């Protein structure tokens, strides 16, 4: 089965995408053609969207799905098409909230992804810059500023997890690679010793690690299964010996990893 799904917004479309994707993920047997239409902020644009929805209804031979977060009621009516199922998130949830709170919403366009709170936005940008500057042990001199330091073998998922933590939660996350030189010492690298309470480890299945490394440096000792098995085993043994908690990243998404780390460490988010 194939269905077209539109994510329509008067701003970035991120909220419509996140909520819509969450719902569509429950239907594994359906192949969705996903189309995001951001910045639909004029009558003309809304009318063009309506035409596009009708066109796909004809092409597909079935009703498209439309997920909308448009604020302006005039524009919201323009994209309502009889040949489509429209799920209007604002209409669905704002009304009950207004009734419960006894206050009318502001109906402000782009509110959820604007720089409404400059301090929060600054925290996010500072955290992203910090994570970029402290990737793979770069700039170790100010690790004291880190909220979290991820450790693990090369290509175990440290960098993308750090960046996600920074962007989504405003967490200053650094990462440090464990290399063969760190194994056999039965202690943490000297650089990390002062920050023992900020460490969290990532590990990975050696076969998956080999596949990832093969894409980066094919046919090298770095990506051999023997090397991957040795490094993973030694890294896990070291983390267990020094009492650093760790997670296996093989079957976990970045979102799951980051949220689990936040939960297990008790670190509080700085941005919403």
Protein backbone atom coordinates (compact mmCIF):
# COMPACT_ATOMS: atom_id res chain seq x y z
CA UNK A 1 0.00 0.00 0.00
CA UNK A 2 1.29 3.48 -0.89
CA UNK A 3 -0.12 6.74 0.46
CA UNK A 4 1.04 10.34 0.15
CA UNK A 5 1.46 12.23 3.43
CA UNK A 6 1.77 16.02 3.49
CA UNK A 7 3.29 17.95 6.41
CA UNK A 8 2.08 21.53 6.05
CA UNK A 9 3.14 24.49 8.17
CA UNK A 10 3.28 28.27 8.13
CA UNK A 11 6.82 28.06 9.51
CA UNK A 12 9.52 25.35 9.46
CA UNK A 13 7.27 22.30 9.40
CA UNK A 14 9.34 20.58 12.07
CA UNK A 15 6.45 20.15 14.51
CA UNK A 16 4.12 18.77 11.82
CA UNK A 17 6.84 16.36 10.71
CA UNK A 18 7.63 15.11 14.21
CA UNK A 19 3.99 14.57 15.20
CA UNK A 20 3.03 13.17 11.80
CA UNK A 21 5.98 10.80 11.60
CA UNK A 22 5.23 9.55 15.11
CA UNK A 23 1.74 8.58 14.01
CA UNK A 24 2.77 7.08 10.67
CA UNK A 25 5.49 4.96 12.29
CA UNK A 26 2.71 2.79 13.73
CA UNK A 27 1.75 1.60 10.23
CA UNK A 28 4.68 -0.53 9.07
CA UNK A 29 2.89 -2.12 6.12
CA UNK A 30 2.16 1.21 4.42
CA UNK A 31 4.68 2.89 2.13
CA UNK A 32 4.36 6.64 2.66
CA UNK A 33 5.41 9.24 0.13
CA UNK A 34 6.24 12.06 2.56
CA UNK A 35 6.10 15.68 1.38
CA UNK A 36 6.93 18.62 3.66
CA UNK A 37 5.57 22.06 2.70
CA UNK A 38 6.93 24.75 5.05
CA UNK A 39 6.26 28.51 5.10
CA UNK A 40 2.71 28.30 3.78
CA UNK A 41 1.94 31.80 5.03
CA UNK A 42 -0.16 33.42 2.27
CA UNK A 43 -3.51 32.65 0.67
CA UNK A 44 -1.81 31.99 -2.66
CA UNK A 45 0.55 29.45 -1.14
CA UNK A 46 -2.31 27.74 0.70
CA UNK A 47 -4.30 27.48 -2.53
CA UNK A 48 -1.28 25.99 -4.30
CA UNK A 49 -0.98 23.42 -1.50
CA UNK A 50 -4.65 22.51 -1.93
CA UNK A 51 -4.09 21.97 -5.67
CA UNK A 52 -1.08 19.77 -4.95
CA UNK A 53 -3.11 17.68 -2.51
CA UNK A 54 -5.88 17.20 -5.08
CA UNK A 55 -3.34 16.27 -7.75
CA UNK A 56 -1.85 13.52 -5.58
CA UNK A 57 -5.32 12.22 -4.77
CA UNK A 58 -5.87 11.67 -8.50
CA UNK A 59 -2.41 10.20 -9.10
CA UNK A 60 -2.55 7.83 -6.10
CA UNK A 61 -6.18 6.92 -6.53
CA UNK A 62 -6.74 7.39 -2.79
CA UNK A 63 -6.94 10.19 -0.25
CA UNK A 64 -3.66 11.83 0.80
CA UNK A 65 -2.99 12.41 4.49
CA UNK A 66 -2.42 16.02 5.53
CA UNK A 67 -0.80 16.92 8.86
CA UNK A 68 -1.08 20.63 9.53
CA UNK A 69 0.21 23.10 12.11
CA UNK A 70 -0.98 26.26 10.34
CA UNK A 71 -2.10 28.92 12.82
CA UNK A 72 -4.08 31.34 10.62
CA UNK A 73 -7.71 30.08 10.44
CA UNK A 74 -8.14 31.51 6.92
CA UNK A 75 -5.15 29.56 5.62
CA UNK A 76 -6.22 26.45 7.52
CA UNK A 77 -9.56 26.46 5.68
CA UNK A 78 -7.82 26.92 2.33
CA UNK A 79 -5.91 23.65 2.63
CA UNK A 80 -8.96 21.63 3.65
CA UNK A 81 -9.64 19.34 0.72
CA UNK A 82 -12.51 16.86 0.55
CA UNK A 83 -10.28 14.34 -1.20
CA UNK A 84 -7.85 14.22 1.75
CA UNK A 85 -7.78 13.30 5.42
CA UNK A 86 -6.57 16.42 7.24
CA UNK A 87 -5.28 16.21 10.79
CA UNK A 88 -5.02 19.74 12.17
CA UNK A 89 -2.85 19.49 15.26
CA UNK A 90 -3.58 23.02 16.49
CA UNK A 91 -7.34 22.69 16.11
CA UNK A 92 -7.17 19.30 17.79
CA UNK A 93 -5.27 20.37 20.87
CA UNK A 94 -5.41 24.16 21.31
CA UNK A 95 -9.18 24.26 21.87
CA UNK A 96 -9.21 21.79 24.80
CA UNK A 97 -6.17 23.53 26.32
CA UNK A 98 -7.83 26.96 26.09
CA UNK A 99 -10.93 25.56 27.77
CA UNK A 100 -8.94 23.90 30.55
CA UNK A 101 -6.65 26.86 31.21
CA UNK A 102 -9.35 29.49 30.81
CA UNK A 103 -7.00 31.50 28.61
CA UNK A 104 -6.96 32.04 24.85
CA UNK A 105 -3.80 31.02 23.04
CA UNK A 106 -1.70 33.66 21.32
CA UNK A 107 -2.10 32.01 17.88
CA UNK A 108 1.43 33.20 17.15
CA UNK A 109 3.04 31.80 14.01
CA UNK A 110 6.34 29.93 14.52
CA UNK A 111 6.18 30.08 18.29
CA UNK A 112 7.63 26.63 19.00
CA UNK A 113 10.74 27.05 16.84
CA UNK A 114 11.47 30.76 17.27
CA UNK A 115 14.09 32.53 19.38
CA UNK A 116 11.42 33.35 21.94
CA UNK A 117 13.71 32.68 24.88
CA UNK A 118 17.12 34.10 23.97
CA UNK A 119 18.84 32.50 26.97
CA UNK A 120 17.63 29.03 25.98
CA UNK A 121 18.60 29.61 22.37
CA UNK A 122 22.07 30.79 23.42
CA UNK A 123 22.46 27.66 25.57
CA UNK A 124 21.70 25.51 22.55
CA UNK A 125 24.17 27.28 20.25
CA UNK A 126 26.89 27.29 22.93
CA UNK A 127 26.33 23.57 23.51
CA UNK A 128 26.57 22.76 19.79
CA UNK A 129 29.78 24.76 19.43
CA UNK A 130 31.21 23.08 22.53
CA UNK A 131 30.45 19.59 21.19
CA UNK A 132 31.98 20.38 17.81
CA UNK A 133 35.12 21.80 19.44
CA UNK A 134 35.46 18.81 21.77
CA UNK A 135 35.05 16.01 19.27
CA UNK A 136 37.50 13.09 19.56
CA UNK A 137 39.43 14.64 22.43
CA UNK A 138 40.01 18.01 20.75
CA UNK A 139 40.59 20.98 23.11
CA UNK A 140 40.86 18.94 26.33
CA UNK A 141 41.91 21.98 28.37
CA UNK A 142 38.37 23.07 29.26
CA UNK A 143 36.65 19.73 29.79
CA UNK A 144 35.63 21.06 33.19
CA UNK A 145 32.85 22.95 31.37
CA UNK A 146 31.38 19.72 29.99
CA UNK A 147 28.10 18.40 31.35
CA UNK A 148 28.96 15.00 29.94
CA UNK A 149 31.93 13.22 28.34
CA UNK A 150 31.20 10.20 26.15
CA UNK A 151 33.94 7.58 25.85
CA UNK A 152 34.21 4.59 23.55
CA UNK A 153 36.10 3.14 20.62
CA UNK A 154 36.26 4.95 17.31
CA UNK A 155 32.95 4.94 15.35
CA UNK A 156 30.81 3.73 18.24
CA UNK A 157 28.41 6.67 17.89
CA UNK A 158 29.95 9.27 20.19
CA UNK A 159 29.94 12.27 17.81
CA UNK A 160 26.32 12.12 16.57
CA UNK A 161 25.08 11.46 20.11
CA UNK A 162 26.98 14.48 21.44
CA UNK A 163 25.59 16.72 18.72
CA UNK A 164 22.03 15.50 19.31
CA UNK A 165 22.37 16.10 23.06
CA UNK A 166 23.61 19.61 22.33
CA UNK A 167 20.98 20.51 19.75
CA UNK A 168 17.95 18.96 21.42
CA UNK A 169 18.75 19.39 25.11
CA UNK A 170 21.37 22.16 25.26
CA UNK A 171 23.88 19.78 26.89
CA UNK A 172 27.60 20.49 26.58
CA UNK A 173 28.77 17.02 25.59
CA UNK A 174 32.38 16.21 24.74
CA UNK A 175 33.70 12.87 23.56
CA UNK A 176 36.98 11.04 23.93
CA UNK A 177 38.06 8.01 21.85
CA UNK A 178 39.46 4.94 23.60
CA UNK A 179 42.39 3.61 21.56
CA UNK A 180 44.63 0.53 21.91
CA UNK A 181 47.10 2.71 23.84
CA UNK A 182 44.47 3.06 26.59
CA UNK A 183 43.97 -0.68 27.03
CA UNK A 184 45.91 -2.88 29.43
CA UNK A 185 46.44 -0.01 31.88
CA UNK A 186 43.37 -0.89 34.00
CA UNK A 187 42.74 2.78 34.52
CA UNK A 188 41.28 5.70 32.64
CA UNK A 189 43.44 7.88 30.39
CA UNK A 190 45.13 10.50 32.58
CA UNK A 191 43.27 13.30 30.85
CA UNK A 192 39.91 11.87 31.97
CA UNK A 193 40.74 11.08 35.60
CA UNK A 194 39.61 14.47 37.00
CA UNK A 195 36.23 14.08 35.28
CA UNK A 196 35.31 10.56 36.34
CA UNK A 197 31.80 11.64 37.43
CA UNK A 198 31.06 13.10 33.96
CA UNK A 199 31.91 9.98 31.96
CA UNK A 200 29.48 7.74 30.13
CA UNK A 201 30.52 4.95 27.79
CA UNK A 202 29.26 3.79 24.41
CA UNK A 203 29.97 0.35 22.98
CA UNK A 204 28.87 -1.49 19.84
CA UNK A 205 28.69 -4.96 18.32
CA UNK A 206 32.06 -5.73 16.65
CA UNK A 207 30.44 -6.93 13.41
CA UNK A 208 28.47 -3.69 13.08
CA UNK A 209 31.59 -1.71 13.97
CA UNK A 210 33.49 -3.46 11.20
CA UNK A 211 30.80 -2.50 8.69
CA UNK A 212 30.93 1.16 9.75
CA UNK A 213 34.73 1.30 9.68
CA UNK A 214 34.87 -0.47 6.32
CA UNK A 215 32.99 2.48 4.79
CA UNK A 216 35.58 4.89 6.16
CA UNK A 217 38.84 2.99 5.62
CA UNK A 218 38.18 -0.09 3.48
CA UNK A 219 40.56 -3.05 3.58
CA UNK A 220 42.58 -1.66 6.49
CA UNK A 221 43.63 -3.16 9.81
CA UNK A 222 41.48 -0.47 11.43
CA UNK A 223 38.32 -2.10 10.06
CA UNK A 224 39.28 -5.78 10.40
CA UNK A 225 36.91 -7.89 12.49
CA UNK A 226 39.80 -9.00 14.69
CA UNK A 227 40.69 -5.38 15.51
CA UNK A 228 37.07 -4.47 16.17
CA UNK A 229 36.55 -7.47 18.47
CA UNK A 230 39.72 -6.66 20.40
CA UNK A 231 38.96 -2.96 20.85
CA UNK A 232 35.34 -3.51 21.89
CA UNK A 233 36.24 -6.23 24.39
CA UNK A 234 39.06 -4.16 25.91
CA UNK A 235 36.96 -0.99 26.07
CA UNK A 236 34.08 -2.76 27.80
CA UNK A 237 36.47 -4.41 30.26
CA UNK A 238 38.03 -1.04 31.08
CA UNK A 239 34.67 0.65 31.59
CA UNK A 240 33.50 -2.15 33.86
CA UNK A 241 36.75 -2.08 35.83
CA UNK A 242 36.59 1.67 36.53
CA UNK A 243 32.84 1.63 37.07
CA UNK A 244 31.76 3.83 34.14
CA UNK A 245 28.22 3.02 32.93
CA UNK A 246 27.83 2.33 29.23
CA UNK A 247 25.24 1.56 26.56
CA UNK A 248 25.37 -0.61 23.46
CA UNK A 249 24.56 1.58 20.44
CA UNK A 250 24.11 -1.23 17.89
CA UNK A 251 20.30 -1.24 17.85
CA UNK A 252 19.55 2.10 19.50
CA UNK A 253 18.65 5.28 17.65
CA UNK A 254 20.33 8.58 18.49
CA UNK A 255 17.08 9.71 20.11
CA UNK A 256 16.91 6.59 22.31
CA UNK A 257 20.58 6.82 23.24
CA UNK A 258 20.40 10.47 24.18
CA UNK A 259 17.23 10.17 26.21
CA UNK A 260 18.52 7.08 28.03
CA UNK A 261 21.77 8.85 28.88
CA UNK A 262 19.87 11.87 30.19
CA UNK A 263 17.66 9.60 32.30
CA UNK A 264 20.49 7.51 33.73
CA UNK A 265 22.79 10.43 34.51
CA UNK A 266 20.09 12.72 35.85
CA UNK A 267 21.30 15.63 33.71
CA UNK A 268 18.56 18.20 33.16
CA UNK A 269 17.86 19.68 29.74
CA UNK A 270 18.60 23.38 29.19
CA UNK A 271 16.43 23.93 26.12
CA UNK A 272 12.92 22.98 25.01
